[in-house]
N, C-alpha and C. Protein backbone atom coordinates (compact mmCIF):
# COMPACT_ATOMS: atom_id res chain seq x y z
N MET A 1 0.84 -1.22 0.15
CA MET A 1 -0.31 0.04 -0.16
C MET A 1 1.05 1.25 0.10
N LEU A 2 2.21 1.22 0.72
CA LEU A 2 2.78 2.32 1.08
C LEU A 2 3.35 2.39 -0.29
N VAL A 3 4.11 1.61 -1.20
CA VAL A 3 4.51 1.72 -2.77
C VAL A 3 3.64 2.04 -3.27
N ARG A 4 2.17 1.80 -3.38
CA ARG A 4 0.99 2.53 -4.39
C ARG A 4 1.28 3.77 -3.85
N TYR A 5 1.60 4.42 -2.81
CA TYR A 5 1.27 5.76 -2.40
C TYR A 5 2.45 6.48 -3.12
N ALA A 6 3.70 5.59 -3.20
CA ALA A 6 4.87 6.72 -3.03
C ALA A 6 4.57 6.71 -4.74
N ILE A 7 4.35 5.61 -5.44
CA ILE A 7 4.64 5.79 -6.96
C ILE A 7 3.57 6.77 -7.35
N LEU A 8 2.30 6.73 -7.09
CA LEU A 8 1.27 7.92 -7.04
C LEU A 8 2.10 9.28 -6.54
N ILE A 9 2.81 9.63 -5.86
CA ILE A 9 2.92 10.91 -5.36
C ILE A 9 4.43 11.14 -6.83
N LEU A 10 5.21 10.16 -6.99
CA LEU A 10 6.29 10.14 -7.46
C LEU A 10 5.55 10.75 -9.05
N LEU A 11 4.36 10.15 -9.77
CA LEU A 11 4.07 10.49 -10.74
C LEU A 11 3.27 11.88 -10.82
N ALA A 12 2.52 11.91 -9.83
CA ALA A 12 1.70 13.43 -9.53
C ALA A 12 2.65 15.09 -9.60
N VAL A 13 3.96 14.12 -8.85
CA VAL A 13 4.55 15.84 -9.04
C VAL A 13 5.33 16.32 -10.46
N PRO A 14 5.80 15.43 -11.29
CA PRO A 14 5.82 15.86 -12.32
C PRO A 14 4.72 16.43 -13.17
N LEU A 15 3.83 15.75 -13.34
CA LEU A 15 2.46 16.07 -13.50
C LEU A 15 2.07 17.58 -13.27
N TRP A 16 2.20 17.76 -11.81
CA TRP A 16 1.63 19.23 -10.97
C TRP A 16 2.97 20.03 -11.48
N GLY A 17 4.28 19.84 -11.60
CA GLY A 17 5.13 20.84 -12.34
C GLY A 17 4.43 21.17 -13.71
N TYR A 18 4.67 19.73 -14.53
CA TYR A 18 3.99 20.57 -15.88
C TYR A 18 2.93 21.22 -15.82
N ALA A 19 1.43 21.11 -15.34
CA ALA A 19 0.33 22.25 -15.06
C ALA A 19 0.68 23.43 -14.88
N GLN A 20 1.79 23.08 -13.79
CA GLN A 20 1.98 24.98 -13.32
C GLN A 20 2.67 25.50 -14.60
N LEU A 21 3.50 24.70 -15.34
CA LEU A 21 4.39 25.58 -16.42
C LEU A 21 3.46 25.76 -17.84
N ALA A 22 2.30 24.75 -18.12
CA ALA A 22 1.53 24.76 -19.05
C ALA A 22 0.62 26.14 -18.26
N SER A 23 0.42 26.56 -17.25
CA SER A 23 -0.88 27.50 -17.09
C SER A 23 0.24 28.75 -16.85
N SER A 24 1.68 28.58 -16.88
CA SER A 24 2.29 30.26 -16.89
C SER A 24 2.27 30.98 -18.05
N SER A 25 2.93 32.21 -17.95
CA SER A 25 2.24 33.44 -18.87
C SER A 25 3.47 32.99 -20.34
N ASP A 26 2.46 31.98 -21.38
CA ASP A 26 3.22 32.39 -22.43
C ASP A 26 2.01 33.18 -23.30
N MET A 27 2.75 34.54 -23.25
CA MET A 27 1.78 35.36 -24.05
C MET A 27 1.59 35.15 -25.06
N SER A 28 2.03 34.38 -25.76
CA SER A 28 1.71 34.34 -27.40
C SER A 28 0.08 33.65 -27.44
N ALA A 29 -0.18 32.78 -26.55
CA ALA A 29 -1.04 32.27 -26.53
C ALA A 29 -2.57 32.80 -25.21
N SER A 30 -2.23 33.97 -24.11
CA SER A 30 -2.73 34.27 -23.61
C SER A 30 -3.70 34.76 -23.95
N THR A 31 -5.11 34.65 -23.10
CA THR A 31 -6.04 35.14 -23.41
C THR A 31 -6.39 36.55 -22.16
N ASP A 32 -5.39 36.47 -21.19
CA ASP A 32 -5.51 37.66 -20.56
C ASP A 32 -5.98 38.95 -20.79
N VAL A 33 -7.09 39.54 -20.28
CA VAL A 33 -7.38 40.74 -20.77
C VAL A 33 -6.93 41.81 -20.28
N HIS A 34 -5.95 41.28 -19.01
CA HIS A 34 -5.41 42.61 -18.35
C HIS A 34 -3.89 42.85 -17.93
N PRO A 35 -3.43 42.45 -19.45
CA PRO A 35 -1.51 41.91 -18.99
C PRO A 35 -1.12 43.88 -19.06
N SER A 36 -0.26 43.14 -17.81
CA SER A 36 0.58 44.37 -16.94
C SER A 36 1.13 44.95 -18.35
N VAL A 37 1.58 46.09 -18.45
CA VAL A 37 2.69 46.86 -19.50
C VAL A 37 4.01 46.18 -19.09
N SER A 38 4.56 45.96 -17.38
CA SER A 38 5.69 45.57 -17.30
C SER A 38 5.81 44.41 -17.47
N GLU A 39 5.00 43.30 -17.60
CA GLU A 39 5.00 41.94 -17.85
C GLU A 39 5.13 41.82 -19.62
N ILE A 40 4.50 42.48 -20.35
CA ILE A 40 4.58 42.62 -21.56
C ILE A 40 6.15 43.13 -22.30
N ALA A 41 6.29 44.25 -21.42
CA ALA A 41 7.69 44.41 -21.39
C ALA A 41 8.85 43.67 -21.64
N ALA A 42 9.22 43.09 -20.34
CA ALA A 42 9.59 41.59 -19.83
C ALA A 42 10.10 40.61 -20.72
N SER A 43 8.43 40.02 -21.43
CA SER A 43 8.69 39.19 -22.55
C SER A 43 7.96 39.10 -23.65
N TYR A 44 8.26 40.37 -24.29
CA TYR A 44 7.39 40.90 -25.62
C TYR A 44 7.84 39.81 -26.55
N THR A 45 9.18 39.45 -26.69
CA THR A 45 9.61 38.64 -27.49
C THR A 45 9.28 37.14 -27.45
N ASN A 46 8.51 36.78 -26.67
CA ASN A 46 7.65 35.60 -26.66
C ASN A 46 6.37 35.74 -27.27
N LEU A 47 5.96 37.29 -27.76
CA LEU A 47 5.01 36.70 -28.35
C LEU A 47 4.97 36.45 -29.95
N LEU A 48 3.77 36.39 -30.70
CA LEU A 48 4.31 36.02 -31.91
C LEU A 48 4.72 37.23 -33.13
N ARG A 49 5.72 36.77 -33.55
CA ARG A 49 6.42 37.56 -34.59
C ARG A 49 5.86 38.21 -35.62
N ILE A 50 5.01 39.07 -36.15
CA ILE A 50 4.17 38.90 -37.19
C ILE A 50 5.06 39.46 -38.34
N THR A 51 6.15 40.71 -38.37
CA THR A 51 7.18 40.78 -39.29
C THR A 51 8.59 39.65 -39.20
N THR A 52 8.66 39.36 -40.37
CA THR A 52 10.13 38.27 -40.64
C THR A 52 10.69 38.94 -40.46
N ASN A 53 11.25 39.82 -41.41
CA ASN A 53 12.34 41.02 -41.24
C ASN A 53 12.23 42.44 -41.38
N VAL A 54 13.23 43.15 -40.58
CA VAL A 54 12.93 44.62 -40.13
C VAL A 54 12.39 45.42 -41.65
N VAL A 55 10.94 46.29 -40.94
CA VAL A 55 10.76 46.95 -42.26
C VAL A 55 10.69 48.39 -41.91
N TYR A 56 11.60 48.96 -42.71
CA TYR A 56 11.65 50.34 -43.05
C TYR A 56 10.03 51.27 -42.62
N VAL A 57 10.18 51.95 -41.74
CA VAL A 57 8.80 53.03 -41.62
C VAL A 57 9.08 53.55 -42.77
N ASN A 58 9.95 54.52 -42.94
CA ASN A 58 9.96 55.65 -44.76
C ASN A 58 11.29 54.89 -45.39
N PRO A 59 10.73 54.03 -46.24
CA PRO A 59 12.10 53.63 -47.11
C PRO A 59 12.75 54.54 -47.79
N GLU A 60 12.48 55.97 -47.95
CA GLU A 60 12.78 56.75 -48.83
C GLU A 60 14.00 57.01 -48.42
N LEU A 61 14.33 57.24 -46.99
CA LEU A 61 15.52 57.65 -46.02
C LEU A 61 16.50 56.64 -46.30
N ALA A 62 16.00 55.38 -46.29
CA ALA A 62 16.55 54.03 -46.21
C ALA A 62 18.03 53.85 -47.47
N ILE A 63 16.81 54.71 -48.49
CA ILE A 63 17.74 53.69 -49.78
C ILE A 63 18.73 54.87 -49.99
N LEU A 64 18.78 56.28 -49.44
CA LEU A 64 20.05 57.03 -50.22
C LEU A 64 20.99 56.54 -49.89
N CYS A 65 21.82 56.50 -50.82
CA CYS A 65 23.24 55.81 -51.11
C CYS A 65 24.41 56.57 -50.72
N LYS A 66 24.12 58.10 -50.07
CA LYS A 66 24.77 58.61 -49.38
C LYS A 66 24.35 58.66 -47.96
N GLY A 67 23.44 58.46 -47.29
CA GLY A 67 22.62 58.35 -45.77
C GLY A 67 21.68 59.40 -46.01
N ALA A 68 21.35 58.96 -45.01
CA ALA A 68 20.28 60.37 -44.37
C ALA A 68 21.27 61.52 -43.93
N SER A 69 21.00 62.54 -44.49
CA SER A 69 21.64 63.90 -43.46
C SER A 69 20.69 64.24 -42.26
N LYS A 70 21.40 65.08 -41.28
CA LYS A 70 20.19 65.07 -39.74
C LYS A 70 19.08 66.10 -40.25
N GLU A 71 19.34 66.69 -41.10
CA GLU A 71 18.10 67.93 -41.64
C GLU A 71 17.06 66.72 -42.49
N GLU A 72 17.61 66.00 -43.20
CA GLU A 72 16.37 64.87 -43.66
C GLU A 72 15.75 63.99 -42.63
N VAL A 73 16.44 63.75 -41.90
CA VAL A 73 15.85 62.93 -40.73
C VAL A 73 14.97 63.98 -39.61
N GLU A 74 15.33 64.91 -39.58
CA GLU A 74 14.44 65.74 -38.69
C GLU A 74 13.11 66.35 -39.62
N SER A 75 13.44 66.48 -40.55
CA SER A 75 12.12 67.01 -41.43
C SER A 75 11.12 65.55 -41.60
N ALA A 76 11.77 64.52 -41.99
CA ALA A 76 11.01 63.23 -41.77
C ALA A 76 10.18 62.93 -40.78
N ARG A 77 10.94 63.45 -39.42
CA ARG A 77 10.01 63.34 -37.89
C ARG A 77 9.12 64.15 -38.16
N THR A 78 9.51 65.31 -38.44
CA THR A 78 8.61 66.53 -38.54
C THR A 78 7.06 65.95 -39.38
N ARG A 79 7.28 65.59 -40.32
CA ARG A 79 6.15 65.04 -41.38
C ARG A 79 5.83 63.38 -41.09
N LEU A 80 6.83 62.56 -40.62
CA LEU A 80 5.90 61.37 -39.93
C LEU A 80 6.18 60.67 -38.73
N GLY A 81 6.78 61.56 -37.75
CA GLY A 81 6.28 61.28 -36.32
C GLY A 81 7.79 60.97 -35.64
N PRO A 82 7.48 60.16 -34.77
CA PRO A 82 9.07 59.71 -34.05
C PRO A 82 9.62 58.48 -34.44
N HIS A 83 8.94 57.69 -35.43
CA HIS A 83 9.18 56.40 -35.69
C HIS A 83 10.10 56.74 -37.12
N ALA A 84 10.35 57.68 -37.66
CA ALA A 84 10.95 58.45 -38.87
C ALA A 84 12.27 57.64 -39.17
N ASN A 85 12.79 57.08 -39.98
CA ASN A 85 14.16 56.82 -40.13
C ASN A 85 14.47 55.36 -39.44
N THR A 86 13.63 54.88 -39.12
CA THR A 86 13.52 53.85 -38.51
C THR A 86 13.29 52.26 -38.72
N GLY A 87 13.60 51.18 -38.29
CA GLY A 87 13.43 49.67 -39.03
C GLY A 87 12.21 49.19 -38.15
N ILE A 88 11.44 48.15 -37.68
CA ILE A 88 10.53 48.02 -36.79
C ILE A 88 10.38 46.43 -36.98
N LEU A 89 10.19 45.66 -36.28
CA LEU A 89 10.06 44.23 -35.63
C LEU A 89 8.84 44.49 -35.00
N ILE A 90 7.26 43.69 -35.69
CA ILE A 90 6.13 43.52 -34.83
C ILE A 90 5.80 42.18 -34.43
N TYR A 91 5.30 42.56 -33.08
CA TYR A 91 4.73 41.51 -32.27
C TYR A 91 3.46 41.74 -31.98
N MET A 92 2.49 40.41 -31.98
CA MET A 92 1.78 40.26 -31.12
C MET A 92 1.31 39.22 -30.35
N ASN A 93 0.06 39.65 -29.84
CA ASN A 93 -0.34 38.40 -28.59
C ASN A 93 -1.07 37.39 -29.93
N LYS A 94 -2.26 36.55 -29.14
CA LYS A 94 -2.82 35.69 -30.08
C LYS A 94 -3.98 36.57 -30.13
N LEU A 95 -4.72 37.02 -29.35
CA LEU A 95 -5.93 37.90 -29.25
C LEU A 95 -5.61 39.58 -30.70
N ALA A 96 -4.81 40.10 -30.60
CA ALA A 96 -4.16 40.81 -31.15
C ALA A 96 -3.76 40.31 -32.89
N ALA A 97 -3.42 39.14 -32.72
CA ALA A 97 -2.81 38.34 -34.49
C ALA A 97 -4.22 38.05 -34.75
N ASP A 98 -4.92 37.08 -34.15
CA ASP A 98 -6.30 36.93 -34.72
C ASP A 98 -6.42 37.85 -35.48
N ALA A 99 -7.42 38.96 -34.44
CA ALA A 99 -7.91 39.97 -34.93
C ALA A 99 -7.19 40.82 -36.30
N PHE A 100 -6.14 41.05 -36.30
CA PHE A 100 -5.32 41.21 -37.77
C PHE A 100 -5.45 40.75 -38.52
N ALA A 101 -5.16 39.43 -38.34
CA ALA A 101 -5.45 38.14 -39.95
C ALA A 101 -7.04 38.55 -40.21
N LYS A 102 -7.91 38.69 -39.25
CA LYS A 102 -8.95 38.60 -39.95
C LYS A 102 -9.64 39.97 -40.25
N LYS A 103 -8.76 40.80 -39.98
CA LYS A 103 -9.16 42.56 -40.14
C LYS A 103 -10.43 43.07 -39.58
N ALA A 104 -10.37 42.19 -38.48
CA ALA A 104 -11.42 42.12 -37.66
C ALA A 104 -11.52 44.05 -36.59
N THR A 105 -12.57 44.51 -36.35
CA THR A 105 -12.35 45.66 -35.65
C THR A 105 -13.71 45.91 -34.82
N PRO A 106 -13.65 46.52 -33.80
CA PRO A 106 -12.26 46.43 -33.06
C PRO A 106 -11.39 45.67 -32.44
N PHE A 107 -10.31 45.31 -31.77
CA PHE A 107 -9.79 44.88 -31.84
C PHE A 107 -10.11 44.13 -30.04
N PRO A 108 -10.15 42.72 -29.68
CA PRO A 108 -10.55 42.56 -28.56
C PRO A 108 -9.74 43.26 -27.34
N VAL A 109 -10.44 42.90 -25.97
CA VAL A 109 -10.39 43.63 -24.66
C VAL A 109 -8.68 42.65 -24.67
N GLY A 110 -7.46 43.33 -24.21
CA GLY A 110 -6.27 42.18 -24.08
C GLY A 110 -5.69 42.18 -25.14
N ALA A 111 -5.67 42.73 -26.37
CA ALA A 111 -4.79 42.61 -27.47
C ALA A 111 -3.75 43.48 -27.34
N VAL A 112 -2.78 42.89 -27.77
CA VAL A 112 -0.85 43.67 -27.15
C VAL A 112 -0.43 43.37 -28.83
N VAL A 113 -0.06 44.75 -29.05
CA VAL A 113 0.61 45.08 -30.28
C VAL A 113 1.55 45.69 -29.67
N VAL A 114 2.80 45.18 -30.13
CA VAL A 114 4.25 45.64 -29.81
C VAL A 114 5.23 45.93 -30.90
N LYS A 115 5.83 46.92 -31.26
CA LYS A 115 6.98 47.45 -32.50
C LYS A 115 7.95 48.04 -31.77
N ARG A 116 9.11 46.97 -32.23
CA ARG A 116 10.58 47.23 -31.52
C ARG A 116 11.35 47.88 -32.79
N LYS A 117 11.53 49.32 -32.68
CA LYS A 117 12.61 49.85 -33.52
C LYS A 117 13.75 50.10 -33.02
N MET A 118 14.60 50.09 -34.09
CA MET A 118 16.10 49.97 -34.25
C MET A 118 15.98 51.81 -34.92
N ILE A 119 16.52 52.70 -34.56
CA ILE A 119 17.10 53.75 -35.05
C ILE A 119 18.38 53.41 -36.41
N HIS A 120 18.21 54.46 -37.12
CA HIS A 120 19.15 54.03 -38.48
C HIS A 120 20.04 55.44 -38.27
N GLY A 121 19.67 56.76 -37.65
CA GLY A 121 20.48 57.61 -37.32
C GLY A 121 20.55 58.59 -38.24
N TYR A 122 21.89 59.06 -38.48
CA TYR A 122 21.72 60.36 -40.03
C TYR A 122 23.74 60.09 -39.96
N THR A 123 23.84 60.81 -41.62
CA THR A 123 25.22 60.87 -41.69
C THR A 123 25.61 62.56 -41.52
N ASP A 124 26.84 62.30 -40.65
CA ASP A 124 26.78 63.86 -40.56
C ASP A 124 28.11 64.03 -42.13
N LYS A 125 27.90 66.05 -41.73
CA LYS A 125 28.67 66.62 -42.89
C LYS A 125 30.62 66.07 -43.08
N ASN A 126 30.69 65.22 -42.48
CA ASN A 126 31.88 64.41 -42.53
C ASN A 126 32.07 62.64 -42.61
N GLY A 127 30.96 62.57 -43.14
CA GLY A 127 30.34 61.19 -43.41
C GLY A 127 30.39 59.68 -42.33
N ARG A 128 30.56 60.28 -41.51
CA ARG A 128 30.55 59.27 -40.14
C ARG A 128 28.66 59.48 -39.61
N ARG A 129 28.64 58.15 -39.16
CA ARG A 129 27.31 58.04 -39.01
C ARG A 129 27.04 58.08 -37.86
N VAL A 130 25.84 58.87 -36.88
CA VAL A 130 25.58 59.52 -35.84
C VAL A 130 24.42 58.85 -35.35
N GLY A 131 24.10 58.05 -34.14
CA GLY A 131 22.80 58.17 -33.50
C GLY A 131 22.49 56.74 -33.90
N ALA A 132 22.81 55.91 -34.85
CA ALA A 132 22.47 54.69 -35.31
C ALA A 132 22.78 53.73 -34.24
N GLY A 133 21.54 52.70 -34.31
CA GLY A 133 21.99 51.73 -33.50
C GLY A 133 21.01 51.26 -32.30
N GLY A 134 20.74 52.61 -31.79
CA GLY A 134 19.90 52.42 -30.76
C GLY A 134 18.34 51.74 -30.79
N ALA A 135 18.08 51.72 -29.59
CA ALA A 135 16.57 50.83 -29.66
C ALA A 135 15.56 51.05 -29.03
N GLY A 136 14.15 51.24 -29.36
CA GLY A 136 13.21 51.04 -28.42
C GLY A 136 11.87 50.29 -28.83
N VAL A 137 11.38 49.91 -27.71
CA VAL A 137 10.13 49.55 -27.77
C VAL A 137 8.78 50.25 -27.47
N GLY A 138 7.97 50.12 -28.52
CA GLY A 138 6.38 50.76 -28.29
C GLY A 138 5.44 49.66 -28.65
N GLY A 139 4.38 50.28 -27.82
CA GLY A 139 2.90 49.11 -27.54
C GLY A 139 1.85 49.43 -27.50
N MET A 140 0.94 49.31 -27.76
CA MET A 140 -0.68 49.23 -27.00
C MET A 140 -1.11 48.05 -26.64
N VAL A 141 -2.35 48.39 -25.48
CA VAL A 141 -2.63 47.43 -24.75
C VAL A 141 -3.87 47.64 -25.06
N LYS A 142 -5.43 46.86 -25.53
CA LYS A 142 -6.45 47.05 -25.75
C LYS A 142 -7.51 46.78 -24.22
N ARG A 143 -7.63 48.18 -23.59
CA ARG A 143 -8.15 47.92 -22.19
C ARG A 143 -9.77 47.62 -22.26
N SER A 144 -9.98 47.55 -21.05
CA SER A 144 -11.93 47.48 -20.77
C SER A 144 -12.51 48.76 -21.44
N PRO A 145 -13.88 48.60 -21.95
CA PRO A 145 -14.39 49.82 -22.22
C PRO A 145 -14.30 51.11 -21.18
N GLY A 146 -13.72 52.03 -21.63
CA GLY A 146 -13.91 53.39 -20.56
C GLY A 146 -12.59 53.77 -20.19
N TYR A 147 -11.68 53.05 -20.52
CA TYR A 147 -10.18 53.04 -20.05
C TYR A 147 -9.54 54.95 -20.88
N ASP A 148 -9.89 54.71 -22.20
CA ASP A 148 -10.03 56.02 -23.03
C ASP A 148 -10.82 55.91 -24.44
N PRO A 149 -12.34 55.95 -23.80
CA PRO A 149 -13.26 55.97 -25.13
C PRO A 149 -12.82 56.85 -26.38
N LYS A 150 -12.41 58.20 -26.13
CA LYS A 150 -12.51 58.82 -27.36
C LYS A 150 -11.10 58.31 -28.45
N HIS A 151 -10.19 57.47 -27.46
CA HIS A 151 -9.04 56.98 -28.35
C HIS A 151 -9.20 55.33 -28.37
N GLY A 152 -10.09 54.89 -28.31
CA GLY A 152 -10.27 53.09 -28.64
C GLY A 152 -10.11 52.44 -27.17
N ASP A 153 -9.93 52.79 -26.50
CA ASP A 153 -9.52 52.36 -25.06
C ASP A 153 -7.93 51.77 -25.05
N TRP A 154 -7.06 52.37 -25.91
CA TRP A 154 -5.48 51.70 -25.90
C TRP A 154 -4.94 52.58 -24.70
N GLU A 155 -4.52 51.30 -24.00
CA GLU A 155 -2.81 52.01 -23.36
C GLU A 155 -1.45 51.89 -24.24
N TYR A 156 -0.92 52.94 -24.31
CA TYR A 156 0.24 52.89 -24.87
C TYR A 156 1.55 52.93 -24.05
N PHE A 157 2.59 52.17 -24.36
CA PHE A 157 3.88 52.39 -23.98
C PHE A 157 4.92 52.52 -24.72
N TYR A 158 5.96 53.21 -24.16
CA TYR A 158 7.62 53.01 -24.67
C TYR A 158 8.71 53.00 -23.83
N PHE A 159 9.45 52.12 -24.12
CA PHE A 159 10.94 52.37 -23.56
C PHE A 159 12.10 51.81 -23.80
N GLU A 160 13.30 52.10 -23.75
CA GLU A 160 14.27 51.98 -24.35
C GLU A 160 14.66 50.99 -22.93
N ASP A 161 14.41 51.49 -21.69
CA ASP A 161 15.11 50.32 -21.17
C ASP A 161 13.93 49.92 -20.21
N ALA A 162 13.49 48.69 -19.65
CA ALA A 162 12.28 48.31 -19.35
C ALA A 162 12.13 48.42 -18.12
N ARG A 163 13.18 49.04 -17.45
CA ARG A 163 13.04 49.14 -15.69
C ARG A 163 12.45 50.81 -15.94
N LYS A 164 12.31 51.41 -16.83
CA LYS A 164 12.00 53.17 -17.25
C LYS A 164 10.85 53.22 -18.30
N ILE A 165 9.66 52.51 -17.84
CA ILE A 165 8.83 52.89 -18.84
C ILE A 165 7.82 53.77 -18.70
N GLU A 166 7.69 54.31 -19.78
CA GLU A 166 6.55 55.80 -20.28
C GLU A 166 5.45 54.98 -20.70
N THR A 167 4.49 55.31 -20.06
CA THR A 167 2.90 54.16 -19.84
C THR A 167 1.62 55.03 -19.99
N GLY A 168 0.35 54.98 -20.53
CA GLY A 168 -0.68 55.37 -20.48
C GLY A 168 -1.09 55.92 -21.72
N ARG A 169 -1.53 57.03 -21.41
CA ARG A 169 -2.55 57.78 -22.46
C ARG A 169 -1.40 58.81 -23.11
N ILE A 170 -0.44 58.23 -23.83
CA ILE A 170 0.94 59.19 -24.25
C ILE A 170 0.26 59.62 -25.33
N ALA A 171 0.34 61.44 -25.35
CA ALA A 171 -0.34 62.55 -26.37
C ALA A 171 0.39 61.80 -27.66
N SER A 172 1.65 61.93 -27.59
CA SER A 172 2.53 61.33 -29.06
C SER A 172 1.84 60.57 -29.67
N CYS A 173 1.68 59.52 -29.14
CA CYS A 173 1.17 58.17 -29.96
C CYS A 173 -0.20 58.25 -29.85
N VAL A 174 -1.05 59.02 -28.71
CA VAL A 174 -2.38 59.21 -29.25
C VAL A 174 -2.72 59.79 -30.65
N GLN A 175 -1.77 61.02 -30.49
CA GLN A 175 -2.21 61.90 -31.82
C GLN A 175 -1.70 61.46 -33.21
N CYS A 176 -0.50 60.04 -33.02
CA CYS A 176 -0.20 59.71 -34.65
C CYS A 176 -1.11 59.01 -34.83
N HIS A 177 -1.74 57.76 -33.61
CA HIS A 177 -2.62 56.79 -33.86
C HIS A 177 -3.56 57.16 -34.49
N GLU A 178 -4.49 58.56 -34.27
CA GLU A 178 -5.30 58.81 -34.56
C GLU A 178 -5.73 58.70 -35.87
N SER A 179 -4.62 58.67 -37.20
CA SER A 179 -4.46 58.71 -38.23
C SER A 179 -5.10 57.26 -38.69
N ALA A 180 -5.20 56.45 -38.11
CA ALA A 180 -5.49 55.15 -38.03
C ALA A 180 -6.77 54.40 -37.62
N ARG A 181 -7.58 54.99 -36.98
CA ARG A 181 -8.69 55.26 -36.16
C ARG A 181 -9.82 54.28 -37.05
N ASN A 182 -9.79 54.21 -38.30
CA ASN A 182 -10.53 53.49 -38.93
C ASN A 182 -10.14 51.91 -39.01
N ARG A 183 -9.01 51.73 -38.65
CA ARG A 183 -8.87 50.59 -38.14
C ARG A 183 -8.31 50.47 -36.52
N ASP A 184 -9.26 50.91 -35.88
CA ASP A 184 -9.16 50.41 -34.51
C ASP A 184 -7.88 51.07 -34.18
N TYR A 185 -7.45 52.16 -34.45
CA TYR A 185 -5.87 52.93 -34.29
C TYR A 185 -4.79 51.71 -34.65
N VAL A 186 -4.95 50.76 -35.10
CA VAL A 186 -3.89 50.16 -35.68
C VAL A 186 -3.15 50.05 -36.63
N PHE A 187 -1.88 50.47 -36.86
CA PHE A 187 -1.73 50.95 -38.60
C PHE A 187 -1.27 49.09 -38.61
N GLY A 188 -0.99 49.30 -39.81
CA GLY A 188 -0.88 47.82 -40.62
C GLY A 188 -0.11 48.09 -42.16
N SER A 189 0.17 49.25 -42.82
CA SER A 189 0.55 49.49 -43.73
C SER A 189 2.22 48.81 -44.37
N TRP A 190 2.77 48.37 -43.31
CA TRP A 190 3.89 47.50 -43.50
C TRP A 190 3.85 46.00 -43.89
N LEU A 191 2.50 45.32 -43.72
CA LEU A 191 2.12 44.32 -43.86
C LEU A 191 2.14 43.82 -45.00
N GLY A 192 3.11 42.73 -45.68
CA GLY A 192 3.26 42.30 -46.72
C GLY A 192 4.92 42.81 -47.47
N THR A 193 5.24 43.80 -46.48
CA THR A 193 6.50 44.60 -47.18
C THR A 193 7.83 43.99 -46.49
N ASP A 194 7.88 42.92 -45.50
CA ASP A 194 9.07 42.69 -44.92
C ASP A 194 9.36 41.46 -45.50
N ASN A 195 9.18 40.80 -46.54
CA ASN A 195 9.90 39.70 -47.24
C ASN A 195 10.68 39.37 -48.17
């Protein structure tokens, strides 16, 4: 009898451990409608990667043979926002990816979209690259109705260091994403351009 209990315990412990692992935060499959921004920041690379390669936000600067000048980059940022002269990778959790693939709007509560950007910098008057290589991570999380109804109930976030995250109704994000209002504030013009 004691041997049976010992065998049951030996079998149960690994199964319990597997159950704990299976229920832990695999964010790509998560249906958690209240993911915290700090959790997302710590593990966004575990989400579904939507773009296979880096996509240039404004390829006209990327293809300049001489490299974009500081003035050209500043002009592009004035016209196109803070992501001008960058390359991006897009990640989404399953909720967002399913809605995006079906072109379903509005996105469901709990949808997470993350944009990792690589800054390309500019070429100075001596032909040297300046400010290239930095990276930042921005994203948006669809919150419950009432979070910010004027702007689709999205919470925005941005960080270059995951210990220092700016989050909330970030004015520059809200202003830029307003132009994608008809797609529930989610861009996607890069879709199909990264292959």
